[in-house]
Amino acid sequence: EFWMVEPEVAYATLEDIIELAEGLVVSIISRVLDRRAKELQTLERDTTKLAAIKAPFAHITYDDAAKLLKEKGLPFEWGGDFGSPDETTLSDHFAGPVAVTGYPSAIKAFYFQPVEGRPEVSRSVDVLAPEGYGEIIGGAQRLDDYDLLVQRIKEHNLPQEAFEWYLDLRRYGSVPHGGFGMGIERVVSWICGIEHLREAIPYPR
C-alpha cells in the first residue's frame, strides 16, 4: 500500500507550499529525535545527519538541476523525470534535502499552475531526501483559472464530465491555492535509515 499526507492550502502560492513542506519535515525529524532516540539507536541510525537538517532546504530549479546532472556525467535530458541516480546525485551535491522547482508541465498533473510566460513549465516542487532516499514530497500551486483548467483536461484526453465537481470549485471564482503529498513510508525509511520501504509499511498486504 501507499500512504500519504496530503495537505491542500487556500490563499497559498508555491513559495508558501515549499515553506510548509520544509517545516513539516523538520518538525517530524525533531519530534522523532526527541521521542524515539532509543528506537533509532536500536536501528543503528546515525542521528547526527538528521539533527543537522534545518529549514530552509537547498533550492534548485529543474533547469539548473538538468544542467548539473549533465555536468556530473549523467545521461539526463530536459523534459524527463528524475530517476534514482539523478535524485541521489542532486541530494549528495547539496549534502541534505533539496527542493527542486519548475518541472516540465508535460510530466506533471494537469491541474498544476504553469509558470507565467513559460507554459511548458509548472509551478511545482519535489523535495528530495539525502542519503539516496529520493523524492519524499511532490507538490505544486494548483490551477485556479477555470478556462485553462478545462483546456488542460481536454489536452490530457480526460472526460470533462468526471471533473465537473472539480471545475465547480473554480467556476464562480477562486483564489491561489496549492498542496503537496508526502509519502509516509519514504519518510519513515529515510529517518530510520532502513534499506527498503517495504520495511516501513505498517500493514503489508
N, C-alpha and C. Protein backbone atom coordinates (compact mmCIF):
# COMPACT_ATOMS: atom_id res chain seq x y z
N GLU A 1 0.82 -1.19 0.00
CA GLU A 1 0.00 0.00 0.00
C GLU A 1 0.86 1.25 0.00
N PHE A 2 0.27 2.35 -0.39
CA PHE A 2 0.96 3.63 -0.40
C PHE A 2 0.17 4.60 0.47
N TRP A 3 0.80 5.07 1.53
CA TRP A 3 0.15 6.01 2.45
C TRP A 3 0.75 7.40 2.25
N MET A 4 -0.08 8.42 2.36
CA MET A 4 0.38 9.76 2.05
C MET A 4 -0.30 10.80 2.93
N VAL A 5 0.47 11.81 3.32
CA VAL A 5 -0.08 13.00 3.97
C VAL A 5 -0.33 14.01 2.86
N GLU A 6 -1.54 14.55 2.78
CA GLU A 6 -1.93 15.36 1.62
C GLU A 6 -2.58 16.69 2.05
N PRO A 7 -1.77 17.69 2.43
CA PRO A 7 -2.36 18.99 2.77
C PRO A 7 -2.68 19.81 1.51
N GLU A 8 -3.80 20.50 1.54
CA GLU A 8 -4.17 21.46 0.50
C GLU A 8 -4.49 22.77 1.20
N VAL A 9 -3.93 23.86 0.69
CA VAL A 9 -3.98 25.14 1.40
C VAL A 9 -4.54 26.24 0.51
N ALA A 10 -5.55 26.95 1.00
CA ALA A 10 -6.09 28.10 0.26
C ALA A 10 -5.23 29.33 0.51
N TYR A 11 -5.32 30.27 -0.41
CA TYR A 11 -4.54 31.53 -0.34
C TYR A 11 -3.05 31.22 -0.19
N ALA A 12 -2.56 30.31 -1.03
CA ALA A 12 -1.17 29.87 -0.94
C ALA A 12 -0.53 29.81 -2.32
N THR A 13 0.68 30.34 -2.42
CA THR A 13 1.48 30.24 -3.63
C THR A 13 2.43 29.06 -3.49
N LEU A 14 3.21 28.81 -4.54
CA LEU A 14 4.19 27.73 -4.49
C LEU A 14 5.17 27.95 -3.35
N GLU A 15 5.58 29.21 -3.16
CA GLU A 15 6.54 29.52 -2.11
C GLU A 15 5.99 29.18 -0.72
N ASP A 16 4.70 29.42 -0.53
CA ASP A 16 4.06 29.07 0.74
C ASP A 16 4.05 27.56 0.95
N ILE A 17 3.79 26.84 -0.13
CA ILE A 17 3.73 25.38 -0.06
C ILE A 17 5.10 24.79 0.28
N ILE A 18 6.14 25.35 -0.33
CA ILE A 18 7.51 24.88 -0.04
C ILE A 18 7.85 25.12 1.42
N GLU A 19 7.52 26.30 1.92
CA GLU A 19 7.80 26.62 3.32
C GLU A 19 7.07 25.66 4.26
N LEU A 20 5.81 25.35 3.94
CA LEU A 20 5.04 24.41 4.75
C LEU A 20 5.65 23.01 4.71
N ALA A 21 6.05 22.58 3.52
CA ALA A 21 6.64 21.24 3.36
C ALA A 21 7.95 21.12 4.15
N GLU A 22 8.79 22.13 4.05
CA GLU A 22 10.06 22.10 4.77
C GLU A 22 9.82 22.10 6.28
N GLY A 23 8.88 22.91 6.72
CA GLY A 23 8.57 22.96 8.14
C GLY A 23 8.04 21.64 8.67
N LEU A 24 7.23 20.96 7.85
CA LEU A 24 6.68 19.67 8.25
C LEU A 24 7.80 18.63 8.42
N VAL A 25 8.69 18.58 7.45
CA VAL A 25 9.79 17.61 7.51
C VAL A 25 10.67 17.86 8.74
N VAL A 26 11.05 19.12 8.96
CA VAL A 26 11.90 19.47 10.09
C VAL A 26 11.20 19.15 11.41
N SER A 27 9.90 19.42 11.47
CA SER A 27 9.13 19.14 12.68
C SER A 27 9.09 17.64 12.98
N ILE A 28 8.88 16.84 11.94
CA ILE A 28 8.82 15.38 12.11
C ILE A 28 10.17 14.86 12.63
N ILE A 29 11.24 15.31 12.00
CA ILE A 29 12.58 14.86 12.41
C ILE A 29 12.86 15.25 13.87
N SER A 30 12.54 16.49 14.22
CA SER A 30 12.76 16.97 15.58
C SER A 30 11.99 16.14 16.59
N ARG A 31 10.75 15.82 16.27
CA ARG A 31 9.91 15.06 17.19
C ARG A 31 10.41 13.61 17.35
N VAL A 32 10.83 13.02 16.23
CA VAL A 32 11.35 11.65 16.29
C VAL A 32 12.65 11.61 17.10
N LEU A 33 13.54 12.58 16.87
CA LEU A 33 14.78 12.62 17.64
C LEU A 33 14.52 12.80 19.13
N ASP A 34 13.48 13.56 19.44
CA ASP A 34 13.15 13.84 20.83
C ASP A 34 12.48 12.65 21.52
N ARG A 35 11.59 11.97 20.80
CA ARG A 35 10.77 10.94 21.43
C ARG A 35 11.17 9.51 21.10
N ARG A 36 11.96 9.31 20.05
CA ARG A 36 12.27 7.94 19.62
C ARG A 36 13.76 7.70 19.44
N ALA A 37 14.57 8.39 20.24
CA ALA A 37 16.03 8.22 20.16
C ALA A 37 16.44 6.77 20.43
N LYS A 38 15.77 6.12 21.38
CA LYS A 38 16.10 4.74 21.74
C LYS A 38 15.86 3.80 20.55
N GLU A 39 14.74 3.99 19.86
CA GLU A 39 14.44 3.14 18.71
C GLU A 39 15.43 3.36 17.57
N LEU A 40 15.82 4.62 17.36
CA LEU A 40 16.80 4.92 16.32
C LEU A 40 18.16 4.30 16.66
N GLN A 41 18.48 4.27 17.94
CA GLN A 41 19.72 3.64 18.38
C GLN A 41 19.69 2.14 18.10
N THR A 42 18.53 1.53 18.35
CA THR A 42 18.37 0.10 18.07
C THR A 42 18.57 -0.19 16.59
N LEU A 43 18.10 0.74 15.75
CA LEU A 43 18.24 0.60 14.30
C LEU A 43 19.63 1.00 13.81
N GLU A 44 20.49 1.42 14.75
CA GLU A 44 21.86 1.86 14.44
C GLU A 44 21.87 3.01 13.45
N ARG A 45 20.91 3.92 13.62
CA ARG A 45 20.81 5.10 12.75
C ARG A 45 21.77 6.19 13.22
N ASP A 46 22.50 6.76 12.27
CA ASP A 46 23.37 7.89 12.57
C ASP A 46 22.50 9.14 12.68
N THR A 47 22.16 9.51 13.91
CA THR A 47 21.22 10.62 14.11
C THR A 47 21.86 11.98 13.92
N THR A 48 23.18 12.05 13.84
CA THR A 48 23.82 13.35 13.62
C THR A 48 23.43 13.92 12.26
N LYS A 49 23.20 13.05 11.28
CA LYS A 49 22.79 13.51 9.95
C LYS A 49 21.38 14.10 10.00
N LEU A 50 20.52 13.51 10.82
CA LEU A 50 19.16 14.03 10.95
C LEU A 50 19.14 15.33 11.74
N ALA A 51 19.93 15.39 12.79
CA ALA A 51 19.96 16.58 13.65
C ALA A 51 20.46 17.81 12.91
N ALA A 52 21.23 17.60 11.84
CA ALA A 52 21.80 18.72 11.09
C ALA A 52 20.82 19.34 10.10
N ILE A 53 19.66 18.72 9.92
CA ILE A 53 18.71 19.20 8.91
C ILE A 53 17.89 20.37 9.44
N LYS A 54 17.98 21.48 8.75
CA LYS A 54 17.26 22.69 9.13
C LYS A 54 16.56 23.26 7.90
N ALA A 55 15.55 24.07 8.15
CA ALA A 55 14.89 24.80 7.06
C ALA A 55 15.45 26.21 7.01
N PRO A 56 15.48 26.84 5.83
CA PRO A 56 15.05 26.29 4.54
C PRO A 56 16.08 25.32 3.96
N PHE A 57 15.59 24.40 3.11
CA PHE A 57 16.46 23.46 2.44
C PHE A 57 17.17 24.17 1.28
N ALA A 58 18.10 23.46 0.67
CA ALA A 58 18.69 23.95 -0.58
C ALA A 58 17.59 23.96 -1.66
N HIS A 59 17.63 24.96 -2.54
CA HIS A 59 16.65 25.06 -3.63
C HIS A 59 17.40 25.09 -4.96
N ILE A 60 16.83 24.43 -5.96
CA ILE A 60 17.38 24.47 -7.31
C ILE A 60 16.23 24.31 -8.29
N THR A 61 16.30 25.00 -9.42
CA THR A 61 15.27 24.82 -10.44
C THR A 61 15.54 23.55 -11.22
N TYR A 62 14.50 23.01 -11.82
CA TYR A 62 14.65 21.84 -12.68
C TYR A 62 15.65 22.12 -13.80
N ASP A 63 15.58 23.33 -14.38
CA ASP A 63 16.50 23.72 -15.45
C ASP A 63 17.95 23.59 -14.99
N ASP A 64 18.25 24.16 -13.82
CA ASP A 64 19.62 24.11 -13.31
C ASP A 64 20.01 22.70 -12.87
N ALA A 65 19.04 21.95 -12.36
CA ALA A 65 19.31 20.57 -11.96
C ALA A 65 19.69 19.73 -13.18
N ALA A 66 18.99 19.95 -14.29
CA ALA A 66 19.30 19.22 -15.53
C ALA A 66 20.72 19.52 -15.99
N LYS A 67 21.12 20.78 -15.90
CA LYS A 67 22.49 21.18 -16.28
C LYS A 67 23.51 20.53 -15.34
N LEU A 68 23.21 20.54 -14.05
CA LEU A 68 24.13 19.98 -13.06
C LEU A 68 24.34 18.49 -13.29
N LEU A 69 23.26 17.78 -13.60
CA LEU A 69 23.38 16.34 -13.84
C LEU A 69 24.23 16.06 -15.08
N LYS A 70 24.07 16.90 -16.12
CA LYS A 70 24.88 16.77 -17.33
C LYS A 70 26.36 16.98 -16.99
N GLU A 71 26.62 18.01 -16.18
CA GLU A 71 28.00 18.32 -15.80
C GLU A 71 28.64 17.18 -15.02
N LYS A 72 27.81 16.44 -14.29
CA LYS A 72 28.31 15.33 -13.48
C LYS A 72 28.35 14.02 -14.27
N GLY A 73 28.05 14.10 -15.57
CA GLY A 73 28.20 12.94 -16.43
C GLY A 73 27.01 12.01 -16.52
N LEU A 74 25.85 12.44 -16.00
CA LEU A 74 24.67 11.58 -16.10
C LEU A 74 23.93 11.85 -17.42
N PRO A 75 23.38 10.81 -18.04
CA PRO A 75 22.71 10.97 -19.34
C PRO A 75 21.29 11.49 -19.20
N PHE A 76 21.16 12.69 -18.62
CA PHE A 76 19.81 13.23 -18.37
C PHE A 76 19.47 14.27 -19.42
N GLU A 77 18.24 14.21 -19.93
CA GLU A 77 17.77 15.17 -20.93
C GLU A 77 16.60 15.97 -20.36
N TRP A 78 16.58 17.27 -20.67
CA TRP A 78 15.48 18.13 -20.22
C TRP A 78 14.16 17.57 -20.73
N GLY A 79 13.19 17.54 -19.83
CA GLY A 79 11.86 17.03 -20.19
C GLY A 79 11.55 15.69 -19.54
N GLY A 80 12.59 15.02 -19.07
CA GLY A 80 12.38 13.74 -18.41
C GLY A 80 12.23 13.89 -16.91
N ASP A 81 11.76 12.82 -16.28
CA ASP A 81 11.66 12.83 -14.82
C ASP A 81 12.94 12.25 -14.25
N PHE A 82 13.25 12.63 -13.02
CA PHE A 82 14.48 12.15 -12.41
C PHE A 82 14.35 10.69 -11.99
N GLY A 83 15.38 9.92 -12.27
CA GLY A 83 15.46 8.56 -11.77
C GLY A 83 16.23 8.55 -10.46
N SER A 84 16.38 7.38 -9.88
CA SER A 84 17.07 7.25 -8.59
C SER A 84 18.49 7.80 -8.61
N PRO A 85 19.31 7.50 -9.65
CA PRO A 85 20.66 8.06 -9.67
C PRO A 85 20.67 9.59 -9.74
N ASP A 86 19.70 10.16 -10.46
CA ASP A 86 19.62 11.62 -10.59
C ASP A 86 19.30 12.25 -9.24
N GLU A 87 18.30 11.70 -8.55
CA GLU A 87 17.90 12.24 -7.25
C GLU A 87 19.03 12.12 -6.23
N THR A 88 19.70 10.99 -6.25
CA THR A 88 20.81 10.78 -5.31
C THR A 88 21.94 11.77 -5.59
N THR A 89 22.25 11.98 -6.85
CA THR A 89 23.32 12.92 -7.22
C THR A 89 22.99 14.34 -6.77
N LEU A 90 21.74 14.74 -6.94
CA LEU A 90 21.34 16.09 -6.54
C LEU A 90 21.41 16.28 -5.03
N SER A 91 20.87 15.31 -4.28
CA SER A 91 20.88 15.45 -2.82
C SER A 91 22.31 15.35 -2.26
N ASP A 92 23.14 14.52 -2.89
CA ASP A 92 24.54 14.43 -2.46
C ASP A 92 25.28 15.74 -2.72
N HIS A 93 24.95 16.39 -3.83
CA HIS A 93 25.60 17.65 -4.19
C HIS A 93 25.35 18.72 -3.13
N PHE A 94 24.14 18.71 -2.57
CA PHE A 94 23.77 19.71 -1.57
C PHE A 94 23.95 19.21 -0.14
N ALA A 95 24.30 17.94 0.01
CA ALA A 95 24.55 17.34 1.33
C ALA A 95 23.36 17.51 2.27
N GLY A 96 22.17 17.32 1.75
CA GLY A 96 20.97 17.45 2.56
C GLY A 96 19.74 17.46 1.69
N PRO A 97 18.57 17.65 2.27
CA PRO A 97 17.35 17.72 1.47
C PRO A 97 17.42 18.88 0.48
N VAL A 98 16.82 18.70 -0.69
CA VAL A 98 16.82 19.75 -1.71
C VAL A 98 15.42 19.85 -2.32
N ALA A 99 14.97 21.09 -2.51
CA ALA A 99 13.68 21.34 -3.15
C ALA A 99 13.93 21.71 -4.61
N VAL A 100 13.44 20.88 -5.52
CA VAL A 100 13.59 21.13 -6.95
C VAL A 100 12.28 21.71 -7.47
N THR A 101 12.35 22.88 -8.10
CA THR A 101 11.15 23.57 -8.56
C THR A 101 11.11 23.67 -10.09
N GLY A 102 9.91 23.89 -10.62
CA GLY A 102 9.76 24.17 -12.04
C GLY A 102 9.91 22.99 -12.97
N TYR A 103 9.24 21.87 -12.64
CA TYR A 103 9.28 20.70 -13.52
C TYR A 103 8.49 20.96 -14.80
N PRO A 104 8.83 20.27 -15.89
CA PRO A 104 8.06 20.41 -17.13
C PRO A 104 6.58 20.07 -16.90
N SER A 105 5.71 20.87 -17.46
CA SER A 105 4.27 20.63 -17.30
C SER A 105 3.86 19.26 -17.84
N ALA A 106 4.55 18.80 -18.88
CA ALA A 106 4.19 17.54 -19.53
C ALA A 106 4.33 16.33 -18.63
N ILE A 107 5.18 16.41 -17.60
CA ILE A 107 5.38 15.24 -16.74
C ILE A 107 4.70 15.42 -15.38
N LYS A 108 3.89 16.47 -15.26
CA LYS A 108 3.17 16.71 -14.02
C LYS A 108 1.66 16.69 -14.26
N ALA A 109 0.89 16.73 -13.18
CA ALA A 109 -0.55 16.62 -13.27
C ALA A 109 -1.17 17.81 -14.02
N PHE A 110 -2.31 17.58 -14.64
CA PHE A 110 -2.95 18.60 -15.46
C PHE A 110 -3.38 19.82 -14.67
N TYR A 111 -3.54 19.69 -13.37
CA TYR A 111 -4.06 20.79 -12.55
C TYR A 111 -2.96 21.64 -11.92
N PHE A 112 -1.71 21.48 -12.39
CA PHE A 112 -0.61 22.30 -11.86
C PHE A 112 -0.58 23.65 -12.58
N GLN A 113 -0.38 24.69 -11.82
CA GLN A 113 -0.30 26.05 -12.36
C GLN A 113 0.95 26.19 -13.23
N PRO A 114 0.81 26.73 -14.45
CA PRO A 114 2.01 26.97 -15.27
C PRO A 114 2.74 28.23 -14.83
N VAL A 115 4.01 28.29 -15.14
CA VAL A 115 4.80 29.49 -14.89
C VAL A 115 4.40 30.56 -15.90
N GLU A 116 4.16 31.76 -15.44
CA GLU A 116 3.76 32.85 -16.33
C GLU A 116 4.85 33.09 -17.37
N GLY A 117 4.44 33.06 -18.64
CA GLY A 117 5.39 33.26 -19.73
C GLY A 117 6.10 32.00 -20.18
N ARG A 118 5.98 30.91 -19.38
CA ARG A 118 6.60 29.63 -19.74
C ARG A 118 5.60 28.50 -19.47
N PRO A 119 4.57 28.38 -20.30
CA PRO A 119 3.53 27.38 -20.04
C PRO A 119 4.04 25.94 -20.04
N GLU A 120 5.23 25.74 -20.61
CA GLU A 120 5.79 24.38 -20.62
C GLU A 120 6.40 24.00 -19.29
N VAL A 121 6.43 24.96 -18.34
CA VAL A 121 6.99 24.72 -17.01
C VAL A 121 5.90 24.93 -15.96
N SER A 122 5.84 24.05 -14.98
CA SER A 122 4.81 24.14 -13.93
C SER A 122 5.37 24.74 -12.65
N ARG A 123 4.46 25.34 -11.88
CA ARG A 123 4.85 25.86 -10.56
C ARG A 123 4.77 24.70 -9.57
N SER A 124 5.78 23.84 -9.66
CA SER A 124 5.78 22.58 -8.92
C SER A 124 7.06 22.46 -8.10
N VAL A 125 7.04 21.51 -7.17
CA VAL A 125 8.21 21.24 -6.34
C VAL A 125 8.25 19.77 -5.95
N ASP A 126 9.44 19.21 -5.97
CA ASP A 126 9.69 17.91 -5.36
C ASP A 126 10.77 18.12 -4.31
N VAL A 127 10.58 17.54 -3.13
CA VAL A 127 11.61 17.57 -2.10
C VAL A 127 12.31 16.22 -2.10
N LEU A 128 13.62 16.26 -2.30
CA LEU A 128 14.42 15.04 -2.34
C LEU A 128 15.17 14.88 -1.03
N ALA A 129 15.05 13.70 -0.43
CA ALA A 129 15.76 13.40 0.82
C ALA A 129 17.19 13.00 0.51
N PRO A 130 18.11 13.25 1.44
CA PRO A 130 19.50 12.86 1.23
C PRO A 130 19.73 11.37 1.43
N GLU A 131 20.98 10.96 1.29
CA GLU A 131 21.42 9.59 1.55
C GLU A 131 20.79 8.57 0.60
N GLY A 132 20.37 9.05 -0.58
CA GLY A 132 19.84 8.14 -1.59
C GLY A 132 18.38 7.76 -1.43
N TYR A 133 17.63 8.46 -0.57
CA TYR A 133 16.23 8.09 -0.35
C TYR A 133 15.26 8.74 -1.32
N GLY A 134 15.73 9.72 -2.09
CA GLY A 134 14.93 10.25 -3.19
C GLY A 134 13.75 11.10 -2.79
N GLU A 135 12.79 11.18 -3.69
CA GLU A 135 11.63 12.07 -3.50
C GLU A 135 10.78 11.64 -2.31
N ILE A 136 10.53 12.57 -1.41
CA ILE A 136 9.63 12.29 -0.29
C ILE A 136 8.38 13.17 -0.35
N ILE A 137 8.45 14.27 -1.12
CA ILE A 137 7.31 15.18 -1.25
C ILE A 137 7.21 15.64 -2.69
N GLY A 138 5.99 15.68 -3.20
CA GLY A 138 5.71 16.27 -4.50
C GLY A 138 4.51 17.19 -4.38
N GLY A 139 4.64 18.41 -4.88
CA GLY A 139 3.53 19.35 -4.75
C GLY A 139 3.58 20.45 -5.77
N ALA A 140 2.62 21.38 -5.66
CA ALA A 140 2.53 22.47 -6.63
C ALA A 140 1.50 23.49 -6.21
N GLN A 141 1.60 24.65 -6.85
CA GLN A 141 0.48 25.59 -6.82
C GLN A 141 -0.52 25.07 -7.84
N ARG A 142 -1.81 25.04 -7.45
CA ARG A 142 -2.84 24.46 -8.31
C ARG A 142 -3.41 25.50 -9.28
N LEU A 143 -3.95 24.99 -10.37
CA LEU A 143 -4.59 25.87 -11.35
C LEU A 143 -5.87 26.46 -10.75
N ASP A 144 -5.99 27.78 -10.76
CA ASP A 144 -7.24 28.39 -10.27
C ASP A 144 -8.02 29.06 -11.39
N ASP A 145 -7.52 28.97 -12.63
CA ASP A 145 -8.19 29.56 -13.78
C ASP A 145 -9.12 28.52 -14.41
N TYR A 146 -10.42 28.80 -14.43
CA TYR A 146 -11.41 27.83 -14.91
C TYR A 146 -11.16 27.43 -16.36
N ASP A 147 -11.01 28.43 -17.24
CA ASP A 147 -10.86 28.15 -18.68
C ASP A 147 -9.60 27.34 -18.97
N LEU A 148 -8.51 27.68 -18.30
CA LEU A 148 -7.26 26.95 -18.52
C LEU A 148 -7.37 25.52 -17.99
N LEU A 149 -8.10 25.35 -16.92
CA LEU A 149 -8.29 24.01 -16.36
C LEU A 149 -9.08 23.13 -17.33
N VAL A 150 -10.12 23.70 -17.94
CA VAL A 150 -10.90 22.97 -18.95
C VAL A 150 -9.99 22.60 -20.12
N GLN A 151 -9.17 23.54 -20.54
CA GLN A 151 -8.24 23.30 -21.66
C GLN A 151 -7.29 22.15 -21.32
N ARG A 152 -6.77 22.14 -20.10
CA ARG A 152 -5.83 21.08 -19.69
C ARG A 152 -6.52 19.72 -19.65
N ILE A 153 -7.75 19.69 -19.20
CA ILE A 153 -8.50 18.43 -19.15
C ILE A 153 -8.64 17.86 -20.56
N LYS A 154 -8.93 18.74 -21.53
CA LYS A 154 -9.06 18.30 -22.92
C LYS A 154 -7.72 17.85 -23.49
N GLU A 155 -6.64 18.59 -23.16
CA GLU A 155 -5.31 18.23 -23.65
C GLU A 155 -4.87 16.86 -23.16
N HIS A 156 -5.32 16.48 -21.96
CA HIS A 156 -4.96 15.19 -21.39
C HIS A 156 -5.96 14.09 -21.75
N ASN A 157 -6.92 14.42 -22.65
CA ASN A 157 -7.93 13.45 -23.10
C ASN A 157 -8.69 12.82 -21.93
N LEU A 158 -9.04 13.67 -20.96
CA LEU A 158 -9.80 13.21 -19.80
C LEU A 158 -11.28 13.54 -19.99
N PRO A 159 -12.19 12.74 -19.46
CA PRO A 159 -13.62 13.01 -19.61
C PRO A 159 -14.04 14.20 -18.73
N GLN A 160 -14.45 15.30 -19.34
CA GLN A 160 -14.75 16.50 -18.57
C GLN A 160 -15.87 16.26 -17.57
N GLU A 161 -16.84 15.40 -17.92
CA GLU A 161 -17.97 15.17 -17.01
C GLU A 161 -17.50 14.60 -15.66
N ALA A 162 -16.40 13.88 -15.68
CA ALA A 162 -15.87 13.31 -14.43
C ALA A 162 -15.26 14.37 -13.53
N PHE A 163 -14.98 15.53 -14.09
CA PHE A 163 -14.32 16.59 -13.33
C PHE A 163 -15.19 17.82 -13.12
N GLU A 164 -16.50 17.69 -13.38
CA GLU A 164 -17.38 18.85 -13.21
C GLU A 164 -17.39 19.35 -11.76
N TRP A 165 -17.34 18.43 -10.81
CA TRP A 165 -17.30 18.84 -9.40
C TRP A 165 -16.05 19.64 -9.11
N TYR A 166 -14.94 19.26 -9.76
CA TYR A 166 -13.67 19.95 -9.58
C TYR A 166 -13.71 21.33 -10.24
N LEU A 167 -14.32 21.39 -11.41
CA LEU A 167 -14.46 22.66 -12.12
C LEU A 167 -15.39 23.62 -11.36
N ASP A 168 -16.39 23.05 -10.69
CA ASP A 168 -17.31 23.89 -9.92
C ASP A 168 -16.60 24.70 -8.85
N LEU A 169 -15.48 24.16 -8.34
CA LEU A 169 -14.73 24.87 -7.30
C LEU A 169 -14.11 26.15 -7.83
N ARG A 170 -14.02 26.26 -9.15
CA ARG A 170 -13.41 27.44 -9.77
C ARG A 170 -14.38 28.21 -10.68
N ARG A 171 -15.52 27.63 -10.93
CA ARG A 171 -16.46 28.18 -11.91
C ARG A 171 -16.89 29.61 -11.56
N TYR A 172 -17.04 29.89 -10.30
CA TYR A 172 -17.53 31.22 -9.87
C TYR A 172 -16.43 32.04 -9.19
N GLY A 173 -15.18 31.70 -9.52
CA GLY A 173 -14.06 32.43 -8.94
C GLY A 173 -13.27 31.55 -7.98
N SER A 174 -12.01 31.86 -7.85
CA SER A 174 -11.15 31.05 -6.98
C SER A 174 -10.06 31.93 -6.39
N VAL A 175 -9.16 31.30 -5.65
CA VAL A 175 -8.03 32.01 -5.04
C VAL A 175 -6.78 31.16 -5.30
N PRO A 176 -5.61 31.78 -5.22
CA PRO A 176 -4.39 30.97 -5.34
C PRO A 176 -4.36 29.90 -4.25
N HIS A 177 -4.07 28.69 -4.62
CA HIS A 177 -4.03 27.60 -3.65
C HIS A 177 -3.07 26.53 -4.12
N GLY A 178 -2.65 25.69 -3.19
CA GLY A 178 -1.70 24.65 -3.55
C GLY A 178 -1.65 23.56 -2.50
N GLY A 179 -0.81 22.60 -2.74
CA GLY A 179 -0.70 21.49 -1.79
C GLY A 179 0.42 20.55 -2.19
N PHE A 180 0.58 19.51 -1.39
CA PHE A 180 1.61 18.51 -1.69
C PHE A 180 1.23 17.18 -1.07
N GLY A 181 1.90 16.15 -1.53
CA GLY A 181 1.76 14.82 -0.95
C GLY A 181 3.09 14.38 -0.39
N MET A 182 3.08 13.87 0.83
CA MET A 182 4.30 13.35 1.45
C MET A 182 4.14 11.84 1.65
N GLY A 183 5.03 11.07 1.04
CA GLY A 183 4.97 9.62 1.17
C GLY A 183 5.45 9.18 2.54
N ILE A 184 4.55 8.62 3.33
CA ILE A 184 4.87 8.27 4.71
C ILE A 184 5.97 7.21 4.78
N GLU A 185 5.85 6.15 3.98
CA GLU A 185 6.85 5.08 4.03
C GLU A 185 8.23 5.60 3.61
N ARG A 186 8.26 6.50 2.65
CA ARG A 186 9.55 7.04 2.21
C ARG A 186 10.21 7.85 3.32
N VAL A 187 9.42 8.64 4.01
CA VAL A 187 9.96 9.45 5.10
C VAL A 187 10.42 8.56 6.25
N VAL A 188 9.63 7.55 6.59
CA VAL A 188 10.00 6.63 7.67
C VAL A 188 11.28 5.87 7.30
N SER A 189 11.37 5.43 6.03
CA SER A 189 12.57 4.72 5.57
C SER A 189 13.81 5.59 5.74
N TRP A 190 13.70 6.85 5.34
CA TRP A 190 14.83 7.77 5.43
C TRP A 190 15.21 8.04 6.88
N ILE A 191 14.24 8.39 7.70
CA ILE A 191 14.53 8.72 9.10
C ILE A 191 15.14 7.52 9.83
N CYS A 192 14.61 6.34 9.55
CA CYS A 192 15.10 5.14 10.23
C CYS A 192 16.37 4.57 9.60
N GLY A 193 16.69 5.02 8.38
CA GLY A 193 17.89 4.52 7.71
C GLY A 193 17.77 3.08 7.28
N ILE A 194 16.56 2.65 6.92
CA ILE A 194 16.37 1.25 6.51
C ILE A 194 16.49 1.11 5.00
N GLU A 195 16.75 -0.10 4.55
CA GLU A 195 17.13 -0.32 3.17
C GLU A 195 15.96 -0.28 2.19
N HIS A 196 14.80 -0.71 2.60
CA HIS A 196 13.69 -0.78 1.66
C HIS A 196 12.40 -0.31 2.32
N LEU A 197 11.60 0.44 1.57
CA LEU A 197 10.38 0.99 2.18
C LEU A 197 9.35 -0.07 2.52
N ARG A 198 9.52 -1.29 1.99
CA ARG A 198 8.61 -2.36 2.40
C ARG A 198 8.67 -2.58 3.90
N GLU A 199 9.85 -2.31 4.48
CA GLU A 199 10.01 -2.48 5.93
C GLU A 199 9.32 -1.36 6.72
N ALA A 200 8.92 -0.30 6.03
CA ALA A 200 8.30 0.84 6.68
C ALA A 200 6.79 0.84 6.58
N ILE A 201 6.23 -0.12 5.86
CA ILE A 201 4.78 -0.18 5.70
C ILE A 201 4.18 -0.90 6.90
N PRO A 202 3.30 -0.24 7.66
CA PRO A 202 2.80 -0.85 8.88
C PRO A 202 1.90 -2.06 8.65
N TYR A 203 1.18 -2.09 7.51
CA TYR A 203 0.26 -3.19 7.26
C TYR A 203 0.47 -3.74 5.85
N PRO A 204 1.56 -4.47 5.62
CA PRO A 204 1.80 -5.00 4.27
C PRO A 204 0.71 -5.99 3.87
N ARG A 205 0.29 -5.91 2.62
CA ARG A 205 -0.77 -6.80 2.14
C ARG A 205 -0.14 -7.90 1.27
